[in-house]
Every structure is written in C-alpha cells, then in structure tokens.
Amino acid sequence: MAVNLATKYSTQVDEVIRRGLLSTAGTNNDVEFGNASTVKVYSLDTAPLGDYDPTAGMSRYGTPTELEDTVQEMKMTQQKAFTFTIDKTYESDSPEGVRNAGKALQRQIDQVIIPAIDTYRFGVLADKAGTKIYRELTSENAYETFVEANTAITDEEFPIEGRVAFCSNDFIRLLKQDSGFTKATSLAQDRVIYKGMVGDCDGVAIIAVPKRRLPEGTAFIITHPMCAPAPVKLQEYKIHRDPPGIAGTLVEGLIYHDIFVFDQKKKAVAVCFDGEEPEEQEQSGQQSGSGNEGGSGNEGGEGGNNG
C-alpha cells in the first residue's frame, strides 16, 4: 500500500544578505550634469615662480604670459535597466508573501544593482589611477606595499585627511599577518565612519570589498573622494499592477550613472595588483617612459571647474 506524505512549503524566503554600496566613501557629487549628458571641466595651469627684479622697469615681476587651460569632457554612458514579471497564477499558488513584488524589487537592488555600480566604479578608479603597482604580495611585504602606494600620493601633495582604501579580503588577511603592520597600527574598529570600514592603515580608512566587485587581481585602491565625481542622474523603480497583457505584476528599473576621475587628481589614486605586470601593459609603459598612468581624462554640454 502506498503512503503519501504531505509536503509543506514555508513562507520564509531564503534571502542573501548583501553588503550595500561600498564605493560611496571614495566619490563625490561635485559635478552637476543637470539636463546634459556631457560636462566639460576646465583646469587652469599655473605660472612659474621667478625672481623679482627692481631694475627691470615694467617687467620687475617677469614677462607676463596668458594662463593656459585644459578641458576634460565627461560623458555619461551607464544606462542600465532590468525588468521581470510575477504572474498572478504563480503568486496565488505560492505561500503568502513568497512572490511579493516589493521584496523582489529590493532583492534585485541589493543583489544586482548595488554590486554592479561598485564593480564599475572600482574598475574606473583602477584604470585611471596615477600610480599602479604590480607585486606578488605576501604577509612580509603587504604593509610595505601599502605604505609605498600611500606615500606616492603624499609626495604629490594631496590631502592626507579623508583618504580611503578599498581592499580585498585576501589583502586584509595578509596585512593582519604582516609584522610591520601589527607593530605600527591595527585594524581596530574604534573609529569606523564608512560602510564596510574595518579599521585603518597608515592613516587611511580600510574598507573591505568582496573580491567579485574589484577588478581582477586588485589588492587595494587608495583614493580620496575629491578625485572622482560619481553622478547618478536617474534611479527609478516601478511596480505595475495588471498592466496590459500581463495578469500580475510588472517590475521595471532604470539607473543612469557614471564615475569620472579628474585629470588633475589622477595621482591621488593608487592601485596595487597582486601579481606580475601584464606583458602588454609593461611594453606600453616602456614606450611611454613612465611608470605612472598618463593620457587624457575620462570621456564622458555644461561647463564645470576642476579646482
């Protein structure tokens, strides 16, 4: 004789707990796009400092020349969207609340939208960094490498206060094992001020970032929020009940965003990759004769000013 056992489905949905948006600590909203998709940011050069000559008549201060300027175009490119439906028949056959459209939308934001924004932002910061270090990292050189990257930024006379470092958990693990780090500082959380912050190193706030959100091989990115405007022009989410052609719920989302690095502030960004420098990158560096990132700024019309 067959025995049929009852099956019960729980109303509890197994949710994935996510970290939230982590890149905000290293960005700003200083560039206003308004109704434009492109903004031009002007940077004025400086004049050389010379000797004052009281005997030079009308040229005692030197020979005046017109200050030159450079223009950086920032064009927004990231228009991302999603859509899904929750059929009314499926919803009626499921435990109450399991196919809730509002919860499904929040899940989409937490698990898809936020990680995607972080991944894009970290990718641009790493690509535009003025200092790029490639090194096989160990528990013996992790702290030294971090200090080297941070010192490169300091030597360019950028502010020390306010810097943040987005670090992979693998790098943080090596840092904790480095005797140089443990003697000099700690990852104590007595002054946590940013989402994801786990402490500080060499005066820089350390934010732990899941590996999947960082460019491949990235150990850490040190930056200052003044370097990178990250505009979000549109962030729109809609829940339509019984729209034409659908018995149930239609959910749609649109986010229009981007990130740029000011040309004059690229050297305030440093990135370290765990491993050897890619061959094509190495050849490019030899041709340019420089170990630091150069070239023009982000592409990306209103006027702005990069002070």
C-alpha atoms as a PDB file:
ATOM      1  CA  MET A   1       0.000   0.000   0.000  1.00  0.00           C
ATOM      2  CA  ALA A   2       1.379   3.424  -0.985  1.00  0.00           C
ATOM      3  CA  VAL A   3       1.843   6.005   1.738  1.00  0.00           C
ATOM      4  CA  ASN A   4       1.538   9.653   0.653  1.00  0.00           C
ATOM      5  CA  LEU A   5       3.240  12.129   2.933  1.00  0.00           C
ATOM      6  CA  ALA A   6       2.215  15.766   2.985  1.00  0.00           C
ATOM      7  CA  THR A   7       4.543  18.469   1.695  1.00  0.00           C
ATOM      8  CA  LYS A   8       4.549  21.917   3.218  1.00  0.00           C
ATOM      9  CA  TYR A   9       6.182  24.991   1.708  1.00  0.00           C
ATOM     10  CA  SER A  10       7.437  27.647   4.089  1.00  0.00           C
ATOM     11  CA  THR A  11       6.511  31.308   3.715  1.00  0.00           C
ATOM     12  CA  GLN A  12      10.075  32.157   4.704  1.00  0.00           C
ATOM     13  CA  VAL A  13      12.255  33.142   1.729  1.00  0.00           C
ATOM     14  CA  ASP A  14      15.964  32.334   1.968  1.00  0.00           C
ATOM     15  CA  GLU A  15      17.419  35.822   1.499  1.00  0.00           C
ATOM     16  CA  VAL A  16      21.011  36.665   0.683  1.00  0.00           C
ATOM     17  CA  ILE A  17      22.349  39.390   2.965  1.00  0.00           C
ATOM     18  CA  ARG A  18      24.393  41.887   0.958  1.00  0.00           C
ATOM     19  CA  ARG A  19      26.971  44.497   1.962  1.00  0.00           C
ATOM     20  CA  GLY A  20      25.371  47.569   0.411  1.00  0.00           C
ATOM     21  CA  LEU A  21      27.074  50.234  -1.726  1.00  0.00           C
ATOM     22  CA  LEU A  22      30.721  50.473  -0.637  1.00  0.00           C
ATOM     23  CA  SER A  23      32.242  52.831  -3.225  1.00  0.00           C
ATOM     24  CA  THR A  24      30.432  55.957  -1.986  1.00  0.00           C
ATOM     25  CA  ALA A  25      33.189  56.723   0.531  1.00  0.00           C
ATOM     26  CA  GLY A  26      35.628  57.324  -2.340  1.00  0.00           C
ATOM     27  CA  THR A  27      33.454  59.516  -4.567  1.00  0.00           C
ATOM     28  CA  ASN A  28      31.779  62.917  -4.619  1.00  0.00           C
ATOM     29  CA  ASN A  29      28.826  64.751  -6.203  1.00  0.00           C
ATOM     30  CA  ASP A  30      30.732  67.900  -7.131  1.00  0.00           C
ATOM     31  CA  VAL A  31      29.901  67.869 -10.871  1.00  0.00           C
ATOM     32  CA  GLU A  32      26.333  68.844 -11.730  1.00  0.00           C
ATOM     33  CA  PHE A  33      25.108  67.408 -15.032  1.00  0.00           C
ATOM     34  CA  GLY A  34      21.633  68.950 -14.918  1.00  0.00           C
ATOM     35  CA  ASN A  35      19.868  68.243 -18.215  1.00  0.00           C
ATOM     36  CA  ALA A  36      23.094  67.434 -20.080  1.00  0.00           C
ATOM     37  CA  SER A  37      24.781  64.089 -20.711  1.00  0.00           C
ATOM     38  CA  THR A  38      28.199  65.714 -21.143  1.00  0.00           C
ATOM     39  CA  VAL A  39      30.016  68.173 -18.930  1.00  0.00           C
ATOM     40  CA  LYS A  40      33.254  69.982 -19.773  1.00  0.00           C
ATOM     41  CA  VAL A  41      35.548  70.616 -16.822  1.00  0.00           C
ATOM     42  CA  TYR A  42      38.190  73.314 -17.151  1.00  0.00           C
ATOM     43  CA  SER A  43      41.559  73.246 -15.407  1.00  0.00           C
ATOM     44  CA  LEU A  44      43.811  76.307 -15.329  1.00  0.00           C
ATOM     45  CA  ASP A  45      47.591  75.916 -15.410  1.00  0.00           C
ATOM     46  CA  THR A  46      49.913  77.842 -13.086  1.00  0.00           C
ATOM     47  CA  ALA A  47      52.651  80.379 -13.736  1.00  0.00           C
ATOM     48  CA  PRO A  48      56.341  79.684 -12.990  1.00  0.00           C
ATOM     49  CA  LEU A  49      57.863  81.355  -9.928  1.00  0.00           C
ATOM     50  CA  GLY A  50      60.801  83.650 -10.745  1.00  0.00           C
ATOM     51  CA  ASP A  51      62.955  86.332  -9.110  1.00  0.00           C
ATOM     52  CA  TYR A  52      61.747  89.870  -8.590  1.00  0.00           C
ATOM     53  CA  ASP A  53      63.994  92.419 -10.348  1.00  0.00           C
ATOM     54  CA  PRO A  54      63.551  96.049  -9.175  1.00  0.00           C
ATOM     55  CA  THR A  55      65.763  97.241 -12.055  1.00  0.00           C
ATOM     56  CA  ALA A  56      63.692  95.655 -14.840  1.00  0.00           C
ATOM     57  CA  GLY A  57      61.350  98.585 -15.384  1.00  0.00           C
ATOM     58  CA  MET A  58      57.879  97.355 -16.356  1.00  0.00           C
ATOM     59  CA  SER A  59      58.984  93.725 -16.143  1.00  0.00           C
ATOM     60  CA  ARG A  60      60.023  93.643 -12.497  1.00  0.00           C
ATOM     61  CA  TYR A  61      57.807  90.617 -11.871  1.00  0.00           C
ATOM     62  CA  GLY A  62      58.910  88.924 -15.071  1.00  0.00           C
ATOM     63  CA  THR A  63      57.326  88.691 -18.509  1.00  0.00           C
ATOM     64  CA  PRO A  64      53.579  88.037 -18.182  1.00  0.00           C
ATOM     65  CA  THR A  65      52.071  85.220 -20.237  1.00  0.00           C
ATOM     66  CA  GLU A  66      48.457  84.141 -20.546  1.00  0.00           C
ATOM     67  CA  LEU A  67      47.480  81.215 -18.334  1.00  0.00           C
ATOM     68  CA  GLU A  68      46.668  78.153 -20.429  1.00  0.00           C
ATOM     69  CA  ASP A  69      43.836  75.779 -19.664  1.00  0.00           C
ATOM     70  CA  THR A  70      42.859  72.201 -20.405  1.00  0.00           C
ATOM     71  CA  VAL A  71      39.376  70.832 -20.904  1.00  0.00           C
ATOM     72  CA  GLN A  72      38.193  67.406 -19.766  1.00  0.00           C
ATOM     73  CA  GLU A  73      34.979  66.036 -21.194  1.00  0.00           C
ATOM     74  CA  MET A  74      32.845  63.824 -19.003  1.00  0.00           C
ATOM     75  CA  LYS A  75      30.171  61.912 -20.915  1.00  0.00           C
ATOM     76  CA  MET A  76      27.732  59.708 -19.035  1.00  0.00           C
ATOM     77  CA  THR A  77      27.484  56.224 -20.535  1.00  0.00           C
ATOM     78  CA  GLN A  78      25.981  53.851 -17.981  1.00  0.00           C
ATOM     79  CA  GLN A  79      22.261  53.424 -18.665  1.00  0.00           C
ATOM     80  CA  LYS A  80      21.325  50.138 -17.006  1.00  0.00           C
ATOM     81  CA  ALA A  81      17.866  48.587 -16.801  1.00  0.00           C
ATOM     82  CA  PHE A  82      16.039  45.429 -15.743  1.00  0.00           C
ATOM     83  CA  THR A  83      12.516  44.058 -15.822  1.00  0.00           C
ATOM     84  CA  PHE A  84      10.661  40.987 -14.581  1.00  0.00           C
ATOM     85  CA  THR A  85       7.113  39.798 -14.010  1.00  0.00           C
ATOM     86  CA  ILE A  86       5.334  37.941 -11.242  1.00  0.00           C
ATOM     87  CA  ASP A  87       2.397  36.097 -12.760  1.00  0.00           C
ATOM     88  CA  LYS A  88      -0.807  36.230 -10.753  1.00  0.00           C
ATOM     89  CA  THR A  89      -1.412  32.480 -11.133  1.00  0.00           C
ATOM     90  CA  TYR A  90       2.041  31.624  -9.783  1.00  0.00           C
ATOM     91  CA  GLU A  91       1.576  34.086  -6.942  1.00  0.00           C
ATOM     92  CA  SER A  92      -1.770  32.516  -5.988  1.00  0.00           C
ATOM     93  CA  ASP A  93      -0.206  29.025  -5.931  1.00  0.00           C
ATOM     94  CA  SER A  94       2.683  30.106  -3.673  1.00  0.00           C
ATOM     95  CA  PRO A  95       2.754  30.642   0.088  1.00  0.00           C
ATOM     96  CA  GLU A  96       1.678  34.130   1.074  1.00  0.00           C
ATOM     97  CA  GLY A  97       4.453  36.725   0.699  1.00  0.00           C
ATOM     98  CA  VAL A  98       6.886  34.495  -1.185  1.00  0.00           C
ATOM     99  CA  ARG A  99       6.294  36.260  -4.514  1.00  0.00           C
ATOM    100  CA  ASN A 100       5.920  39.741  -3.071  1.00  0.00           C
ATOM    101  CA  ALA A 101       6.854  42.285  -5.747  1.00  0.00           C
ATOM    102  CA  GLY A 102       8.219  44.857  -3.325  1.00  0.00           C
ATOM    103  CA  LYS A 103      10.536  42.363  -1.661  1.00  0.00           C
ATOM    104  CA  ALA A 104      11.610  41.026  -5.048  1.00  0.00           C
ATOM    105  CA  LEU A 105      12.495  44.552  -6.173  1.00  0.00           C
ATOM    106  CA  GLN A 106      14.540  45.201  -3.027  1.00  0.00           C
ATOM    107  CA  ARG A 107      16.328  41.899  -3.593  1.00  0.00           C
ATOM    108  CA  GLN A 108      17.149  42.987  -7.156  1.00  0.00           C
ATOM    109  CA  ILE A 109      18.603  46.281  -5.900  1.00  0.00           C
ATOM    110  CA  ASP A 110      20.652  44.640  -3.141  1.00  0.00           C
ATOM    111  CA  GLN A 111      21.988  41.685  -5.108  1.00  0.00           C
ATOM    112  CA  VAL A 112      22.310  43.073  -8.651  1.00  0.00           C
ATOM    113  CA  ILE A 113      22.203  46.883  -8.888  1.00  0.00           C
ATOM    114  CA  ILE A 114      24.439  47.816  -5.948  1.00  0.00           C
ATOM    115  CA  PRO A 115      27.224  45.297  -6.738  1.00  0.00           C
ATOM    116  CA  ALA A 116      27.141  46.368 -10.407  1.00  0.00           C
ATOM    117  CA  ILE A 117      27.610  50.047  -9.508  1.00  0.00           C
ATOM    118  CA  ASP A 118      30.508  49.222  -7.170  1.00  0.00           C
ATOM    119  CA  THR A 119      32.159  46.978  -9.774  1.00  0.00           C
ATOM    120  CA  TYR A 120      32.006  49.679 -12.440  1.00  0.00           C
ATOM    121  CA  ARG A 121      33.284  52.413 -10.139  1.00  0.00           C
ATOM    122  CA  PHE A 122      36.216  50.364  -8.847  1.00  0.00           C
ATOM    123  CA  GLY A 123      37.105  49.430 -12.414  1.00  0.00           C
ATOM    124  CA  VAL A 124      37.329  53.074 -13.491  1.00  0.00           C
ATOM    125  CA  LEU A 125      39.333  54.087 -10.402  1.00  0.00           C
ATOM    126  CA  ALA A 126      41.851  51.297 -11.025  1.00  0.00           C
ATOM    127  CA  ASP A 127      42.122  52.121 -14.726  1.00  0.00           C
ATOM    128  CA  LYS A 128      42.676  55.856 -14.172  1.00  0.00           C
ATOM    129  CA  ALA A 129      44.996  55.548 -11.150  1.00  0.00           C
ATOM    130  CA  GLY A 130      48.125  57.678 -11.383  1.00  0.00           C
ATOM    131  CA  THR A 131      50.177  55.075  -9.505  1.00  0.00           C
ATOM    132  CA  LYS A 132      49.960  51.382 -10.411  1.00  0.00           C
ATOM    133  CA  ILE A 133      51.921  48.754  -8.507  1.00  0.00           C
ATOM    134  CA  TYR A 134      52.263  45.129  -9.615  1.00  0.00           C
ATOM    135  CA  ARG A 135      53.694  42.817  -6.974  1.00  0.00           C
ATOM    136  CA  GLU A 136      53.496  39.282  -5.677  1.00  0.00           C
ATOM    137  CA  LEU A 137      52.033  40.064  -2.272  1.00  0.00           C
ATOM    138  CA  THR A 138      52.898  38.127   0.871  1.00  0.00           C
ATOM    139  CA  SER A 139      52.487  38.579   4.616  1.00  0.00           C
ATOM    140  CA  GLU A 140      56.014  40.044   4.607  1.00  0.00           C
ATOM    141  CA  ASN A 141      55.510  42.849   2.085  1.00  0.00           C
ATOM    142  CA  ALA A 142      51.785  43.726   2.342  1.00  0.00           C
ATOM    143  CA  TYR A 143      52.238  46.639   4.748  1.00  0.00           C
ATOM    144  CA  GLU A 144      55.335  47.964   2.968  1.00  0.00           C
ATOM    145  CA  THR A 145      53.487  47.926  -0.365  1.00  0.00           C
ATOM    146  CA  PHE A 146      50.507  49.777   1.091  1.00  0.00           C
ATOM    147  CA  VAL A 147      52.765  52.454   2.596  1.00  0.00           C
ATOM    148  CA  GLU A 148      54.615  52.773  -0.723  1.00  0.00           C
ATOM    149  CA  ALA A 149      51.371  53.457  -2.594  1.00  0.00           C
ATOM    150  CA  ASN A 150      50.140  55.883   0.056  1.00  0.00           C
ATOM    151  CA  THR A 151      53.488  57.705   0.075  1.00  0.00           C
ATOM    152  CA  ALA A 152      53.293  58.164  -3.709  1.00  0.00           C
ATOM    153  CA  ILE A 153      50.042  60.080  -3.196  1.00  0.00           C
ATOM    154  CA  THR A 154      51.502  62.113  -0.332  1.00  0.00           C
ATOM    155  CA  ASP A 155      54.535  63.067  -2.430  1.00  0.00           C
ATOM    156  CA  GLU A 156      52.150  64.644  -4.942  1.00  0.00           C
ATOM    157  CA  GLU A 157      50.943  66.916  -2.106  1.00  0.00           C
ATOM    158  CA  PHE A 158      47.363  65.677  -1.956  1.00  0.00           C
ATOM    159  CA  PRO A 159      45.466  65.859   1.351  1.00  0.00           C
ATOM    160  CA  ILE A 160      46.128  63.070   3.814  1.00  0.00           C
ATOM    161  CA  GLU A 161      42.907  63.521   5.739  1.00  0.00           C
ATOM    162  CA  GLY A 162      39.949  61.792   4.110  1.00  0.00           C
ATOM    163  CA  ARG A 163      41.768  59.103   2.111  1.00  0.00           C
ATOM    164  CA  VAL A 164      40.130  55.693   1.854  1.00  0.00           C
ATOM    165  CA  ALA A 165      41.421  52.311   0.700  1.00  0.00           C
ATOM    166  CA  PHE A 166      39.186  49.701  -0.890  1.00  0.00           C
ATOM    167  CA  CYS A 167      40.893  46.405  -0.079  1.00  0.00           C
ATOM    168  CA  SER A 168      40.227  42.810  -0.991  1.00  0.00           C
ATOM    169  CA  ASN A 169      39.746  40.456   1.932  1.00  0.00           C
ATOM    170  CA  ASP A 170      42.783  38.475   0.770  1.00  0.00           C
ATOM    171  CA  PHE A 171      44.939  41.593   1.127  1.00  0.00           C
ATOM    172  CA  ILE A 172      43.477  42.396   4.538  1.00  0.00           C
ATOM    173  CA  ARG A 173      44.361  38.861   5.637  1.00  0.00           C
ATOM    174  CA  LEU A 174      47.985  39.360   4.511  1.00  0.00           C
ATOM    175  CA  LEU A 175      48.067  42.755   6.222  1.00  0.00           C
ATOM    176  CA  LYS A 176      46.981  41.251   9.527  1.00  0.00           C
ATOM    177  CA  GLN A 177      49.827  38.729   9.283  1.00  0.00           C
ATOM    178  CA  ASP A 178      52.491  41.327   8.444  1.00  0.00           C
ATOM    179  CA  SER A 179      54.659  42.059  11.491  1.00  0.00           C
ATOM    180  CA  GLY A 180      55.414  45.562  10.184  1.00  0.00           C
ATOM    181  CA  PHE A 181      51.716  46.363  10.220  1.00  0.00           C
ATOM    182  CA  THR A 182      50.970  44.839  13.608  1.00  0.00           C
ATOM    183  CA  LYS A 183      53.772  46.887  15.179  1.00  0.00           C
ATOM    184  CA  ALA A 184      52.754  50.152  13.530  1.00  0.00           C
ATOM    185  CA  THR A 185      48.959  50.098  13.647  1.00  0.00           C
ATOM    186  CA  SER A 186      45.906  47.863  13.918  1.00  0.00           C
ATOM    187  CA  LEU A 187      42.545  47.171  12.330  1.00  0.00           C
ATOM    188  CA  ALA A 188      40.695  48.164  15.484  1.00  0.00           C
ATOM    189  CA  GLN A 189      37.196  49.433  14.764  1.00  0.00           C
ATOM    190  CA  ASP A 190      37.226  52.289  17.236  1.00  0.00           C
ATOM    191  CA  ARG A 191      36.669  54.949  14.560  1.00  0.00           C
ATOM    192  CA  VAL A 192      34.538  53.268  11.926  1.00  0.00           C
ATOM    193  CA  ILE A 193      32.963  56.058   9.850  1.00  0.00           C
ATOM    194  CA  TYR A 194      32.251  54.383   6.464  1.00  0.00           C
ATOM    195  CA  LYS A 195      30.109  51.448   5.400  1.00  0.00           C
ATOM    196  CA  GLY A 196      32.344  48.372   5.244  1.00  0.00           C
ATOM    197  CA  MET A 197      35.212  50.018   7.148  1.00  0.00           C
ATOM    198  CA  VAL A 198      37.236  47.578   9.249  1.00  0.00           C
ATOM    199  CA  GLY A 199      39.912  49.921  10.615  1.00  0.00           C
ATOM    200  CA  ASP A 200      42.780  51.985   9.230  1.00  0.00           C
ATOM    201  CA  CYS A 201      46.340  51.580   7.954  1.00  0.00           C
ATOM    202  CA  ASP A 202      48.957  54.332   7.678  1.00  0.00           C
ATOM    203  CA  GLY A 203      46.198  56.833   8.474  1.00  0.00           C
ATOM    204  CA  VAL A 204      43.940  55.580   5.662  1.00  0.00           C
ATOM    205  CA  ALA A 205      40.476  54.145   6.291  1.00  0.00           C
ATOM    206  CA  ILE A 206      40.329  50.481   5.220  1.00  0.00           C
ATOM    207  CA  ILE A 207      37.101  49.291   3.585  1.00  0.00           C
ATOM    208  CA  ALA A 208      36.756  45.573   2.966  1.00  0.00           C
ATOM    209  CA  VAL A 209      35.401  44.838  -0.523  1.00  0.00           C
ATOM    210  CA  PRO A 210      34.283  41.436  -1.847  1.00  0.00           C
ATOM    211  CA  LYS A 211      36.706  40.174  -4.496  1.00  0.00           C
ATOM    212  CA  ARG A 212      33.992  39.958  -7.164  1.00  0.00           C
ATOM    213  CA  ARG A 213      33.428  43.736  -7.022  1.00  0.00           C
ATOM    214  CA  LEU A 214      37.101  44.596  -7.661  1.00  0.00           C
ATOM    215  CA  PRO A 215      38.958  44.351 -10.990  1.00  0.00           C
ATOM    216  CA  GLU A 216      40.705  41.015 -11.395  1.00  0.00           C
ATOM    217  CA  GLY A 217      43.875  40.783  -9.308  1.00  0.00           C
ATOM    218  CA  THR A 218      43.264  44.030  -7.415  1.00  0.00           C
ATOM    219  CA  ALA A 219      44.620  44.014  -3.869  1.00  0.00           C
ATOM    220  CA  PHE A 220      43.710  47.592  -2.944  1.00  0.00           C
ATOM    221  CA  ILE A 221      42.798  51.006  -4.317  1.00  0.00           C
ATOM    222  CA  ILE A 222      43.731  54.123  -2.331  1.00  0.00           C
ATOM    223  CA  THR A 223      41.899  57.298  -3.255  1.00  0.00           C
ATOM    224  CA  HIS A 224      40.359  60.498  -1.940  1.00  0.00           C
ATOM    225  CA  PRO A 225      36.690  61.366  -2.527  1.00  0.00           C
ATOM    226  CA  MET A 226      37.674  64.701  -4.100  1.00  0.00           C
ATOM    227  CA  CYS A 227      39.175  62.828  -7.086  1.00  0.00           C
ATOM    228  CA  ALA A 228      36.112  61.158  -8.519  1.00  0.00           C
ATOM    229  CA  PRO A 229      32.649  62.596  -9.151  1.00  0.00           C
ATOM    230  CA  ALA A 230      30.094  59.785  -9.407  1.00  0.00           C
ATOM    231  CA  PRO A 231      26.803  61.245 -10.646  1.00  0.00           C
ATOM    232  CA  VAL A 232      23.554  59.276 -10.512  1.00  0.00           C
ATOM    233  CA  LYS A 233      21.156  61.127 -12.844  1.00  0.00           C
ATOM    234  CA  LEU A 234      18.297  58.663 -12.670  1.00  0.00           C
ATOM    235  CA  GLN A 235      17.422  55.885 -10.259  1.00  0.00           C
ATOM    236  CA  GLU A 236      13.865  54.862 -10.997  1.00  0.00           C
ATOM    237  CA  TYR A 237      11.991  51.710  -9.990  1.00  0.00           C
ATOM    238  CA  LYS A 238       8.354  50.929 -10.874  1.00  0.00           C
ATOM    239  CA  ILE A 239       5.840  48.264  -9.888  1.00  0.00           C
ATOM    240  CA  HIS A 240       2.877  47.999 -12.300  1.00  0.00           C
ATOM    241  CA  ARG A 241      -0.192  46.072 -11.193  1.00  0.00           C
ATOM    242  CA  ASP A 242      -2.029  44.216 -14.002  1.00  0.00           C
ATOM    243  CA  PRO A 243      -0.571  46.199 -16.925  1.00  0.00           C
ATOM    244  CA  PRO A 244      -1.988  45.455 -20.414  1.00  0.00           C
ATOM    245  CA  GLY A 245      -1.113  41.924 -21.496  1.00  0.00           C
ATOM    246  CA  ILE A 246       0.030  40.695 -18.060  1.00  0.00           C
ATOM    247  CA  ALA A 247      -2.033  39.113 -15.315  1.00  0.00           C
ATOM    248  CA  GLY A 248       0.020  40.026 -12.312  1.00  0.00           C
ATOM    249  CA  THR A 249       2.874  42.411 -11.625  1.00  0.00           C
ATOM    250  CA  LEU A 250       5.440  44.003 -13.927  1.00  0.00           C
ATOM    251  CA  VAL A 251       8.576  45.405 -12.261  1.00  0.00           C
ATOM    252  CA  GLU A 252      10.959  47.747 -14.090  1.00  0.00           C
ATOM    253  CA  GLY A 253      14.099  49.576 -13.064  1.00  0.00           C
ATOM    254  CA  LEU A 254      16.446  52.121 -14.606  1.00  0.00           C
ATOM    255  CA  ILE A 255      19.672  53.594 -13.259  1.00  0.00           C
ATOM    256  CA  TYR A 256      21.674  56.192 -15.176  1.00  0.00           C
ATOM    257  CA  HIS A 257      25.063  56.705 -13.562  1.00  0.00           C
ATOM    258  CA  ASP A 258      28.800  57.013 -14.154  1.00  0.00           C
ATOM    259  CA  ILE A 259      32.089  57.884 -12.487  1.00  0.00           C
ATOM    260  CA  PHE A 260      34.987  60.041 -13.648  1.00  0.00           C
ATOM    261  CA  VAL A 261      38.447  60.868 -12.342  1.00  0.00           C
ATOM    262  CA  PHE A 262      39.616  64.483 -12.608  1.00  0.00           C
ATOM    263  CA  ASP A 263      42.705  64.746 -14.825  1.00  0.00           C
ATOM    264  CA  GLN A 264      44.444  66.936 -12.258  1.00  0.00           C
ATOM    265  CA  LYS A 265      43.788  64.435  -9.463  1.00  0.00           C
ATOM    266  CA  LYS A 266      44.718  61.091 -11.049  1.00  0.00           C
ATOM    267  CA  LYS A 267      47.908  60.984  -8.990  1.00  0.00           C
ATOM    268  CA  ALA A 268      45.804  60.976  -5.838  1.00  0.00           C
ATOM    269  CA  VAL A 269      44.647  57.483  -6.811  1.00  0.00           C
ATOM    270  CA  ALA A 270      46.886  54.427  -6.395  1.00  0.00           C
ATOM    271  CA  VAL A 271      46.136  50.797  -7.169  1.00  0.00           C
ATOM    272  CA  CYS A 272      48.023  47.622  -6.368  1.00  0.00           C
ATOM    273  CA  PHE A 273      47.597  44.393  -8.305  1.00  0.00           C
ATOM    274  CA  ASP A 274      48.636  41.099  -6.775  1.00  0.00           C
ATOM    275  CA  GLY A 275      50.907  39.526  -9.383  1.00  0.00           C
ATOM    276  CA  GLU A 276      53.254  40.433 -12.197  1.00  0.00           C
ATOM    277  CA  GLU A 277      52.540  43.265 -14.597  1.00  0.00           C
ATOM    278  CA  PRO A 278      50.819  42.033 -17.776  1.00  0.00           C
ATOM    279  CA  GLU A 279      53.226  41.921 -20.722  1.00  0.00           C
ATOM    280  CA  GLU A 280      51.230  44.289 -22.909  1.00  0.00           C
ATOM    281  CA  GLN A 281      50.999  46.779 -20.020  1.00  0.00           C
ATOM    282  CA  GLU A 282      54.731  46.548 -19.451  1.00  0.00           C
ATOM    283  CA  GLN A 283      55.530  47.230 -23.109  1.00  0.00           C
ATOM    284  CA  SER A 284      53.156  50.199 -23.103  1.00  0.00           C
ATOM    285  CA  GLY A 285      54.903  51.616 -20.036  1.00  0.00           C
ATOM    286  CA  GLN A 286      58.330  51.229 -21.656  1.00  0.00           C
ATOM    287  CA  GLN A 287      57.163  53.069 -24.769  1.00  0.00           C
ATOM    288  CA  SER A 288      55.758  55.945 -22.738  1.00  0.00           C
ATOM    289  CA  GLY A 289      58.824  56.021 -20.484  1.00  0.00           C
ATOM    290  CA  SER A 290      56.742  56.449 -17.347  1.00  0.00           C
ATOM    291  CA  GLY A 291      55.626  54.206 -14.534  1.00  0.00           C
ATOM    292  CA  ASN A 292      52.604  56.373 -13.748  1.00  0.00           C
ATOM    293  CA  GLU A 293      49.313  56.498 -15.579  1.00  0.00           C
ATOM    294  CA  GLY A 294      49.122  59.334 -18.100  1.00  0.00           C
ATOM    295  CA  GLY A 295      46.958  60.319 -21.048  1.00  0.00           C
ATOM    296  CA  SER A 296      43.710  62.168 -21.314  1.00  0.00           C
ATOM    297  CA  GLY A 297      40.831  62.061 -18.861  1.00  0.00           C
ATOM    298  CA  ASN A 298      37.569  60.152 -18.968  1.00  0.00           C
ATOM    299  CA  GLU A 299      35.265  60.755 -21.851  1.00  0.00           C
ATOM    300  CA  GLY A 300      32.183  61.173 -20.558  1.00  0.00           C
ATOM    301  CA  GLY A 301      27.392  70.428 -22.506  1.00  0.00           C
ATOM    302  CA  GLU A 302      27.717  72.284 -19.432  1.00  0.00           C
ATOM    303  CA  GLY A 303      30.837  73.845 -18.030  1.00  0.00           C
ATOM    304  CA  GLY A 304      32.493  72.907 -14.789  1.00  0.00           C
ATOM    305  CA  ASN A 305      35.712  73.732 -12.943  1.00  0.00           C
ATOM    306  CA  ASN A 306      38.295  71.304 -11.640  1.00  0.00           C
ATOM    307  CA  GLY A 307      39.838  73.212  -8.817  1.00  0.00           C
END
